[in-house]
Amino acid sequence: MILNYTTPEEAVMLVNSGDRVFLHGSAATPLLLINALLARAGSINNVELTSISTYGNIDWNHPNVLQSFYLNSLFVSGNIRDWANSEYGGYVPVFLSEIPQLFDRKILPLDVALIQVSPPDKHGYCSLGTSVDAALSAVRNARKVIAHVNPKMPRVLGDGIIHISSFASVICNETDLIEVDYAAQTNEITDRIGANIAGLIEDGSTLQMGIGSVPDAVLKCLVNHKGLGIHSEMFSDGILPLVEKGVITNEHKIIQRGKIVSTFILGTRKIYDFADNNPDVNCMDVAFVNDSDIIRRNPKVVAINSAIEIDLTGQICTDSIGAFQYSGIGGQMDFMRGASLSEGGKPIIGMPSTTKTGLSRIVPFLKQGAGVVTTRGHVHYVATEYGVVNLYGKNMDQRAKLLISIAHPDHREMLQKAYTERFGQIPRKF
């Protein structure tokens, strides 16, 4: 299939002042196109950029860029965190499952989408590769689509198949995909958390893993399990040993039985090669994958997610440190709710008991300005390296006592004092 390829600099000339531009994310972040667009600062103005989670070096921190471009982020990742928290950026709180609606219903109408895709097949179809999520809706709705065809992008099956006729401009460049090695981020603490969570997982469960080292630590402990399935917003290298050992078979799932279902993939080259043209892997529209009604149909859904802090009543903050926007709502609530409604399901929050600087993540009150992502009405299991507790069906007094029991020992006296001040010393029955 012959395409008229151009350069990144020429391709982004299709972006005009006043446009809203979607940026493909995760391992598919089209850095060549993004940085070529930002290099046009000063020649175009009032351009709004919107994205979920971008990775890699985005060269944004220059006065001209900040005067020409505004970042309106649907999730906040590390490479644009300061930009999103500045006067030149903003954050839209939204469930990951509902982001396609923002584009479909023209709440955020898109002028241009910058994406990265696999080479076209003999019929002219490319794959959105490692990141279908909301990119599919963005491609469907943008007036102009600019594509980076990358021979190193895996052809991932599922919803993200796009014909080249959809592209207004195309570049071709063989570029290494962004890689993240979550296994290298595990340590003794995350391994203990992983073992605690793994003890809750039954044979035949359907797993959802959030981003981070804790999910990989959990997966390492599941080698003796049987008949596990994957229906998750993302997956990484941690599933590979379980697939190879026949632990992950997807045989008990109701939705897409026999297939690993996700909306994006983020890891090392090993997982990208595994997903390439693999009929057992489907990357689907996030509106489908993260729909709690879809999630609940699978048996024994175990949702494993993280938190920044949790207060003594069970309110969970995962997206901000006080008023500083650290990440986003993402898909946590989609899966926490879906798992809780699944027959035999278990929504789990796993986190170290302290921050890297030694502060307790279990706190009397959330920091001022902190966002509650998972409410105390939705929380069930909470795990640290000191154990697992189930807050579901427990009153405020009981929750506080349970959470103190899995806090770091250095902070239990402080938390006990806060508990006494809040709940008094009247004996209460469990």
Protein backbone atom coordinates (compact mmCIF):
# COMPACT_ATOMS: atom_id res chain seq x y z
CA MET A 1 0.00 0.00 0.00
CA ILE A 2 1.60 3.28 -1.14
CA LEU A 3 1.17 6.37 1.01
CA ASN A 4 2.30 9.92 0.35
CA TYR A 5 4.44 10.43 3.42
CA THR A 6 5.52 13.87 4.56
CA THR A 7 7.65 15.30 7.38
CA PRO A 8 6.43 16.02 10.91
CA GLU A 9 6.94 19.74 10.30
CA GLU A 10 4.81 19.70 7.16
CA ALA A 11 2.15 17.44 8.66
CA VAL A 12 1.39 19.73 11.61
CA MET A 13 0.90 22.69 9.29
CA LEU A 14 -2.70 21.42 9.14
CA VAL A 15 -3.21 22.73 12.69
CA ASN A 16 -4.62 26.26 12.77
CA SER A 17 -4.95 28.90 15.45
CA GLY A 18 -7.96 28.25 17.66
CA ASP A 19 -7.97 24.47 17.05
CA ARG A 20 -8.50 21.84 19.71
CA VAL A 21 -5.99 18.99 19.20
CA PHE A 22 -6.17 15.49 20.67
CA LEU A 23 -2.87 13.78 21.54
CA HIS A 24 -2.68 9.98 21.43
CA GLY A 25 -1.27 8.63 24.69
CA SER A 26 0.62 6.04 26.72
CA ALA A 27 3.16 4.05 24.63
CA ALA A 28 1.54 5.48 21.49
CA THR A 29 2.30 9.11 22.37
CA PRO A 30 3.29 10.63 18.97
CA LEU A 31 6.26 12.63 20.21
CA LEU A 32 7.55 13.52 16.73
CA LEU A 33 4.26 15.16 15.82
CA ILE A 34 3.69 16.78 19.23
CA ASN A 35 7.12 18.41 19.39
CA ALA A 36 6.87 19.52 15.75
CA LEU A 37 3.57 21.17 16.62
CA LEU A 38 4.98 22.89 19.71
CA ALA A 39 7.85 24.18 17.54
CA ARG A 40 5.23 26.26 15.71
CA ALA A 41 4.71 28.37 18.85
CA GLY A 42 4.39 32.01 17.92
CA SER A 43 3.13 31.31 14.42
CA ILE A 44 -0.17 29.90 15.70
CA ASN A 45 -2.05 30.85 18.85
CA ASN A 46 -4.91 29.82 21.10
CA VAL A 47 -4.42 26.10 20.37
CA GLU A 48 -5.89 23.77 22.99
CA LEU A 49 -4.26 20.37 23.54
CA THR A 50 -6.23 17.58 25.18
CA SER A 51 -5.05 14.09 26.11
CA ILE A 52 -5.36 11.30 28.63
CA SER A 53 -1.93 10.07 29.71
CA THR A 54 1.10 11.05 27.63
CA TYR A 55 4.62 9.69 28.05
CA GLY A 56 8.05 10.78 26.89
CA ASN A 57 9.80 14.11 26.52
CA ILE A 58 7.29 16.76 25.49
CA ASP A 59 9.22 20.01 25.07
CA TRP A 60 6.58 22.36 26.52
CA ASN A 61 8.34 24.48 29.13
CA HIS A 62 9.13 27.56 27.03
CA PRO A 63 7.45 31.00 27.17
CA ASN A 64 6.46 30.89 23.48
CA VAL A 65 4.86 27.46 23.86
CA LEU A 66 2.91 28.52 26.92
CA GLN A 67 1.65 31.65 25.16
CA SER A 68 0.52 29.71 22.09
CA PHE A 69 -0.78 26.45 23.57
CA TYR A 70 -3.15 25.65 26.43
CA LEU A 71 -3.20 22.14 27.93
CA ASN A 72 -6.66 20.91 28.89
CA SER A 73 -5.80 17.46 30.23
CA LEU A 74 -8.22 14.59 30.89
CA PHE A 75 -5.57 12.89 33.05
CA VAL A 76 -2.32 14.25 34.44
CA SER A 77 0.88 12.33 33.76
CA GLY A 78 4.37 13.12 34.98
CA ASN A 79 5.69 14.71 31.79
CA ILE A 80 3.02 17.47 31.76
CA ARG A 81 2.16 17.64 35.49
CA ASP A 82 3.58 21.11 36.10
CA TRP A 83 1.98 22.39 32.89
CA ALA A 84 -1.45 21.12 33.94
CA ASN A 85 -1.06 22.82 37.33
CA SER A 86 0.02 26.15 35.85
CA GLU A 87 -2.04 29.09 34.60
CA TYR A 88 -1.46 27.71 31.09
CA GLY A 89 -3.10 24.37 31.79
CA GLY A 90 -6.13 22.71 33.33
CA TYR A 91 -7.60 19.35 34.29
CA VAL A 92 -11.03 17.91 33.46
CA PRO A 93 -12.27 15.48 36.15
CA VAL A 94 -13.97 12.65 34.25
CA PHE A 95 -14.33 8.88 34.43
CA LEU A 96 -12.13 7.19 31.84
CA SER A 97 -15.17 5.31 30.52
CA GLU A 98 -16.94 8.60 29.73
CA ILE A 99 -14.17 10.42 27.86
CA PRO A 100 -15.40 9.19 24.44
CA GLN A 101 -18.73 10.89 25.21
CA LEU A 102 -16.96 14.23 25.47
CA PHE A 103 -15.91 13.84 21.84
CA ASP A 104 -18.99 12.04 20.53
CA ARG A 105 -21.42 14.56 22.01
CA LYS A 106 -19.27 17.55 20.96
CA ILE A 107 -18.80 18.66 24.55
CA LEU A 108 -15.13 18.83 23.54
CA PRO A 109 -15.33 19.04 19.74
CA LEU A 110 -12.02 18.08 18.11
CA ASP A 111 -10.41 19.79 15.15
CA VAL A 112 -7.30 17.61 14.88
CA ALA A 113 -6.09 14.28 16.28
CA LEU A 114 -2.38 13.41 16.41
CA ILE A 115 -1.96 9.63 16.56
CA GLN A 116 0.62 6.87 16.13
CA VAL A 117 -0.31 3.69 14.27
CA SER A 118 1.05 0.44 12.85
CA PRO A 119 1.85 0.23 9.12
CA PRO A 120 -1.17 -0.41 6.88
CA ASP A 121 -1.95 -3.96 5.82
CA LYS A 122 -2.59 -4.89 2.19
CA HIS A 123 -6.14 -3.56 2.53
CA GLY A 124 -4.99 -0.17 3.83
CA TYR A 125 -5.90 -0.71 7.49
CA CYS A 126 -3.66 0.46 10.33
CA SER A 127 -3.97 -0.35 14.04
CA LEU A 128 -4.03 2.15 16.88
CA GLY A 129 -1.66 -0.34 18.43
CA THR A 130 -0.97 -0.10 22.12
CA SER A 131 -3.57 2.55 22.89
CA VAL A 132 -7.18 2.38 21.74
CA ASP A 133 -8.82 3.90 24.86
CA ALA A 134 -10.42 7.21 23.83
CA ALA A 135 -8.22 7.58 20.72
CA LEU A 136 -10.79 5.67 18.71
CA SER A 137 -13.46 8.25 19.50
CA ALA A 138 -10.98 11.06 18.81
CA VAL A 139 -10.22 9.67 15.34
CA ARG A 140 -13.91 9.23 14.69
CA ASN A 141 -14.72 12.82 15.63
CA ALA A 142 -11.71 14.95 14.64
CA ARG A 143 -12.06 16.95 11.42
CA LYS A 144 -8.44 16.11 10.54
CA VAL A 145 -6.32 13.13 11.62
CA ILE A 146 -2.53 13.31 11.39
CA ALA A 147 -0.86 9.92 11.74
CA HIS A 148 2.66 8.75 12.53
CA VAL A 149 3.07 5.33 10.89
CA ASN A 150 5.66 3.47 12.94
CA PRO A 151 6.93 0.01 11.87
CA LYS A 152 7.66 -0.69 15.55
CA MET A 153 4.03 -0.18 16.58
CA PRO A 154 2.42 -3.59 17.12
CA ARG A 155 -0.69 -4.42 15.16
CA VAL A 156 -3.09 -5.03 18.05
CA LEU A 157 -6.44 -6.54 17.18
CA GLY A 158 -9.80 -5.31 18.44
CA ASP A 159 -11.55 -1.99 17.91
CA GLY A 160 -8.60 0.16 16.91
CA ILE A 161 -8.44 -0.64 13.18
CA ILE A 162 -8.33 2.56 11.07
CA HIS A 163 -8.21 2.87 7.28
CA ILE A 164 -5.58 5.16 5.78
CA SER A 165 -8.31 7.10 4.03
CA SER A 166 -9.11 8.58 7.46
CA PHE A 167 -5.75 10.38 7.55
CA ALA A 168 -5.34 13.95 6.30
CA SER A 169 -1.55 13.69 6.55
CA VAL A 170 0.89 10.87 7.32
CA ILE A 171 4.52 10.63 8.37
CA CYS A 172 6.57 7.41 8.54
CA ASN A 173 9.40 6.99 11.01
CA GLU A 174 10.72 3.88 12.73
CA THR A 175 10.90 4.95 16.36
CA ASP A 176 11.22 2.93 19.55
CA LEU A 177 8.01 2.94 21.58
CA ILE A 178 8.05 4.30 25.09
CA GLU A 179 8.75 1.52 27.59
CA VAL A 180 8.00 1.22 31.30
CA ASP A 181 9.37 -1.67 33.37
CA TYR A 182 7.01 -1.96 36.34
CA ALA A 183 8.74 -5.11 37.59
CA ALA A 184 11.91 -3.08 38.16
CA GLN A 185 9.92 -0.75 40.43
CA THR A 186 8.87 -3.46 42.87
CA ASN A 187 10.58 -3.79 46.24
CA GLU A 188 10.16 -5.59 49.55
CA ILE A 189 7.19 -3.44 50.54
CA THR A 190 5.30 -3.82 47.26
CA ASP A 191 6.03 -7.56 47.32
CA ARG A 192 4.41 -7.82 50.76
CA ILE A 193 1.40 -5.85 49.53
CA GLY A 194 1.23 -8.09 46.49
CA ALA A 195 1.23 -11.23 48.64
CA ASN A 196 -1.52 -9.81 50.85
CA ILE A 197 -3.72 -9.04 47.84
CA ALA A 198 -2.96 -12.34 46.11
CA GLY A 199 -4.40 -14.12 49.14
CA LEU A 200 -7.81 -12.66 48.26
CA ILE A 201 -7.80 -13.89 44.65
CA GLU A 202 -9.63 -17.12 43.88
CA ASP A 203 -9.16 -19.47 40.94
CA GLY A 204 -11.31 -18.41 37.99
CA SER A 205 -11.15 -14.71 38.84
CA THR A 206 -11.13 -11.96 36.23
CA LEU A 207 -8.40 -9.41 36.94
CA GLN A 208 -8.12 -5.68 36.44
CA MET A 209 -4.77 -4.10 37.23
CA GLY A 210 -4.17 -0.39 37.54
CA ILE A 211 -0.89 1.35 36.77
CA GLY A 212 2.13 0.88 39.03
CA SER A 213 4.34 -1.65 40.76
CA VAL A 214 1.73 -3.17 43.10
CA PRO A 215 -0.21 -4.96 40.31
CA ASP A 216 3.04 -6.55 39.06
CA ALA A 217 3.82 -7.61 42.62
CA VAL A 218 0.39 -9.26 42.85
CA LEU A 219 0.85 -11.09 39.55
CA LYS A 220 4.15 -12.57 40.75
CA CYS A 221 2.23 -14.32 43.54
CA LEU A 222 -0.36 -15.99 41.29
CA VAL A 223 1.75 -18.70 39.65
CA ASN A 224 -0.18 -21.48 41.40
CA HIS A 225 -3.62 -20.13 40.53
CA LYS A 226 -5.84 -21.58 37.82
CA GLY A 227 -8.16 -20.28 35.13
CA LEU A 228 -7.58 -16.54 35.60
CA GLY A 229 -8.84 -14.00 33.08
CA ILE A 230 -7.94 -10.44 32.14
CA HIS A 231 -10.45 -7.66 31.56
CA SER A 232 -8.55 -4.50 32.42
CA GLU A 233 -8.09 -0.94 31.27
CA MET A 234 -4.39 -1.77 30.88
CA PHE A 235 -1.90 -4.59 31.25
CA SER A 236 1.86 -4.88 31.30
CA ASP A 237 4.67 -7.46 31.29
CA GLY A 238 3.51 -9.01 34.56
CA ILE A 239 0.93 -11.15 32.76
CA LEU A 240 3.48 -12.88 30.50
CA PRO A 241 4.73 -15.55 32.96
CA LEU A 242 1.14 -16.36 33.87
CA VAL A 243 0.16 -16.74 30.22
CA GLU A 244 3.19 -18.96 29.57
CA LYS A 245 2.40 -21.15 32.61
CA GLY A 246 -1.25 -21.53 31.61
CA VAL A 247 -2.51 -19.62 34.65
CA ILE A 248 -4.21 -16.96 32.53
CA THR A 249 -6.63 -18.81 30.23
CA ASN A 250 -9.65 -16.46 30.17
CA GLU A 251 -11.82 -19.59 30.09
CA HIS A 252 -14.27 -18.46 32.80
CA LYS A 253 -15.00 -15.00 31.46
CA ILE A 254 -18.40 -14.12 30.04
CA ILE A 255 -17.25 -11.06 28.09
CA GLN A 256 -14.80 -11.97 25.29
CA ARG A 257 -14.21 -15.47 26.65
CA GLY A 258 -10.77 -16.78 25.78
CA LYS A 259 -9.33 -13.31 25.14
CA ILE A 260 -7.28 -10.82 27.11
CA VAL A 261 -9.28 -7.59 26.95
CA SER A 262 -7.79 -4.18 27.58
CA THR A 263 -7.98 -0.62 26.36
CA PHE A 264 -4.24 0.13 26.36
CA ILE A 265 -0.92 -1.66 26.87
CA LEU A 266 2.11 -0.17 28.61
CA GLY A 267 5.31 -2.02 29.40
CA THR A 268 8.47 -3.16 27.67
CA ARG A 269 9.09 -4.39 24.14
CA LYS A 270 8.29 -7.93 25.34
CA ILE A 271 4.63 -7.12 25.94
CA TYR A 272 4.35 -5.17 22.68
CA ASP A 273 5.72 -8.15 20.75
CA PHE A 274 3.33 -10.45 22.62
CA ALA A 275 0.33 -8.33 21.59
CA ASP A 276 1.38 -7.99 17.95
CA ASN A 277 -1.17 -9.78 15.73
CA ASN A 278 -2.12 -11.96 18.70
CA PRO A 279 -5.69 -13.24 18.27
CA ASP A 280 -5.89 -13.79 22.04
CA VAL A 281 -5.49 -10.06 22.73
CA ASN A 282 -8.15 -7.44 22.01
CA CYS A 283 -7.68 -3.72 22.66
CA MET A 284 -11.14 -2.18 22.77
CA ASP A 285 -12.88 1.18 23.08
CA VAL A 286 -12.65 2.37 26.69
CA ALA A 287 -16.38 3.09 26.69
CA PHE A 288 -16.83 -0.69 26.41
CA VAL A 289 -13.94 -2.00 28.50
CA ASN A 290 -14.58 0.33 31.44
CA ASP A 291 -18.37 0.14 31.40
CA SER A 292 -19.28 -1.11 34.89
CA ASP A 293 -22.26 -2.99 33.44
CA ILE A 294 -19.88 -4.88 31.12
CA ILE A 295 -17.32 -5.44 33.89
CA ARG A 296 -19.85 -6.89 36.32
CA ARG A 297 -20.88 -9.66 33.89
CA ASN A 298 -17.55 -11.42 34.33
CA PRO A 299 -17.21 -13.72 37.37
CA LYS A 300 -15.15 -12.88 40.45
CA VAL A 301 -13.82 -9.58 39.12
CA VAL A 302 -10.85 -8.46 41.20
CA ALA A 303 -10.01 -4.77 40.69
CA ILE A 304 -6.57 -3.80 41.98
CA ASN A 305 -5.92 -0.07 42.23
CA SER A 306 -3.77 2.33 44.22
CA ALA A 307 -4.20 5.46 46.31
CA ILE A 308 -2.30 8.54 47.39
CA GLU A 309 -4.01 8.61 50.79
CA ILE A 310 -7.09 7.33 52.60
CA ASP A 311 -8.78 8.88 55.62
CA LEU A 312 -10.06 7.02 58.66
CA THR A 313 -13.58 6.84 57.24
CA GLY A 314 -12.48 5.25 53.95
CA GLN A 315 -12.42 8.24 51.61
CA ILE A 316 -9.76 7.56 48.98
CA CYS A 317 -7.75 10.22 47.16
CA THR A 318 -5.90 8.99 44.10
CA ASP A 319 -5.64 12.04 41.86
CA SER A 320 -4.18 14.93 43.86
CA ILE A 321 -1.79 15.86 46.63
CA GLY A 322 -3.87 18.48 48.35
CA ALA A 323 -4.87 20.89 45.61
CA PHE A 324 -1.96 19.88 43.35
CA GLN A 325 -3.28 17.74 40.49
CA TYR A 326 -1.04 14.68 40.45
CA SER A 327 -2.89 12.28 38.14
CA GLY A 328 -6.59 11.88 37.42
CA ILE A 329 -9.78 9.97 38.12
CA GLY A 330 -8.97 7.53 35.33
CA GLY A 331 -10.72 4.18 35.44
CA GLN A 332 -10.51 3.42 39.15
CA MET A 333 -14.18 4.01 39.92
CA ASP A 334 -15.29 2.23 36.73
CA PHE A 335 -13.65 -0.96 37.97
CA MET A 336 -14.21 -0.51 41.70
CA ARG A 337 -17.93 -0.33 41.02
CA GLY A 338 -17.89 -3.06 38.38
CA ALA A 339 -16.00 -5.44 40.68
CA SER A 340 -18.33 -4.78 43.60
CA LEU A 341 -21.32 -5.69 41.41
CA SER A 342 -19.67 -8.82 39.96
CA GLU A 343 -20.68 -12.16 41.47
CA GLY A 344 -17.90 -12.87 43.95
CA GLY A 345 -16.07 -9.68 42.95
CA LYS A 346 -13.53 -7.86 45.11
CA PRO A 347 -12.57 -4.20 44.66
CA ILE A 348 -9.16 -3.67 46.27
CA ILE A 349 -7.03 -0.61 47.03
CA GLY A 350 -3.38 -1.52 47.54
CA MET A 351 -0.80 0.98 48.71
CA PRO A 352 2.34 1.29 50.87
CA SER A 353 1.52 2.45 54.37
CA THR A 354 3.82 5.47 53.99
CA THR A 355 5.09 7.85 51.32
CA LYS A 356 8.71 7.81 50.18
CA THR A 357 9.41 10.50 52.79
CA GLY A 358 7.84 8.48 55.60
CA LEU A 359 4.48 10.23 55.91
CA SER A 360 1.45 8.06 56.63
CA ARG A 361 -0.87 7.39 53.71
CA ILE A 362 -3.61 6.53 56.19
CA VAL A 363 -4.58 9.90 57.61
CA PRO A 364 -7.16 11.38 60.01
CA PHE A 365 -8.38 13.74 57.28
CA LEU A 366 -7.49 14.13 53.61
CA LYS A 367 -5.32 17.12 52.79
CA GLN A 368 -7.13 20.36 52.11
CA GLY A 369 -8.07 20.43 48.43
CA ALA A 370 -7.63 16.67 47.96
CA GLY A 371 -10.02 14.99 45.54
CA VAL A 372 -12.10 11.98 46.58
CA VAL A 373 -12.01 9.50 43.70
CA THR A 374 -13.35 6.41 45.47
CA THR A 375 -15.96 7.37 48.04
CA ARG A 376 -16.35 5.71 51.42
CA GLY A 377 -19.55 4.21 50.05
CA HIS A 378 -17.60 2.38 47.33
CA VAL A 379 -14.55 1.21 49.26
CA HIS A 380 -14.23 -2.48 50.16
CA TYR A 381 -10.76 -3.98 50.64
CA VAL A 382 -7.71 -1.92 51.58
CA ALA A 383 -4.25 -3.53 51.65
CA THR A 384 -0.87 -2.31 52.87
CA GLU A 385 2.29 -4.24 53.68
CA TYR A 386 0.80 -4.77 57.16
CA GLY A 387 -2.34 -6.62 56.08
CA VAL A 388 -5.74 -6.39 54.44
CA VAL A 389 -9.01 -5.08 55.88
CA ASN A 390 -12.53 -5.03 54.48
CA LEU A 391 -14.41 -1.81 55.20
CA TYR A 392 -17.61 -2.82 53.44
CA GLY A 393 -20.56 -2.85 55.82
CA LYS A 394 -18.50 -1.31 58.63
CA ASN A 395 -19.46 1.87 60.47
CA MET A 396 -17.15 4.85 60.83
CA ASP A 397 -15.79 3.76 64.18
CA GLN A 398 -15.05 0.24 62.95
CA ARG A 399 -13.40 1.52 59.78
CA ALA A 400 -11.05 3.74 61.72
CA LYS A 401 -9.94 0.87 63.94
CA LEU A 402 -9.41 -1.44 60.97
CA LEU A 403 -7.38 1.10 59.02
CA ILE A 404 -5.20 1.88 62.04
CA SER A 405 -4.41 -1.85 62.26
CA ILE A 406 -2.74 -1.80 58.80
CA ALA A 407 -1.04 1.59 59.19
CA HIS A 408 2.70 1.84 59.67
CA PRO A 409 3.54 1.18 63.36
CA ASP A 410 5.31 4.54 63.60
CA HIS A 411 2.03 6.33 62.88
CA ARG A 412 -0.49 4.25 64.80
CA GLU A 413 -0.22 6.31 67.97
CA MET A 414 -0.97 9.50 66.01
CA LEU A 415 -3.90 7.85 64.28
CA GLN A 416 -5.20 6.41 67.55
CA LYS A 417 -5.14 9.89 69.08
CA ALA A 418 -7.01 11.29 66.07
CA TYR A 419 -9.50 8.41 66.36
CA THR A 420 -10.13 9.19 70.04
CA GLU A 421 -10.62 12.89 69.33
CA ARG A 422 -13.09 12.12 66.57
CA PHE A 423 -15.00 9.13 67.88
CA GLY A 424 -14.51 9.41 71.65
CA GLN A 425 -13.62 6.63 74.05
CA ILE A 426 -17.09 5.10 74.44
CA PRO A 427 -16.79 1.34 73.85
CA ARG A 428 -18.51 0.30 70.66
CA LYS A 429 -19.46 -3.18 69.53
CA PHE A 430 -18.11 -4.65 66.29
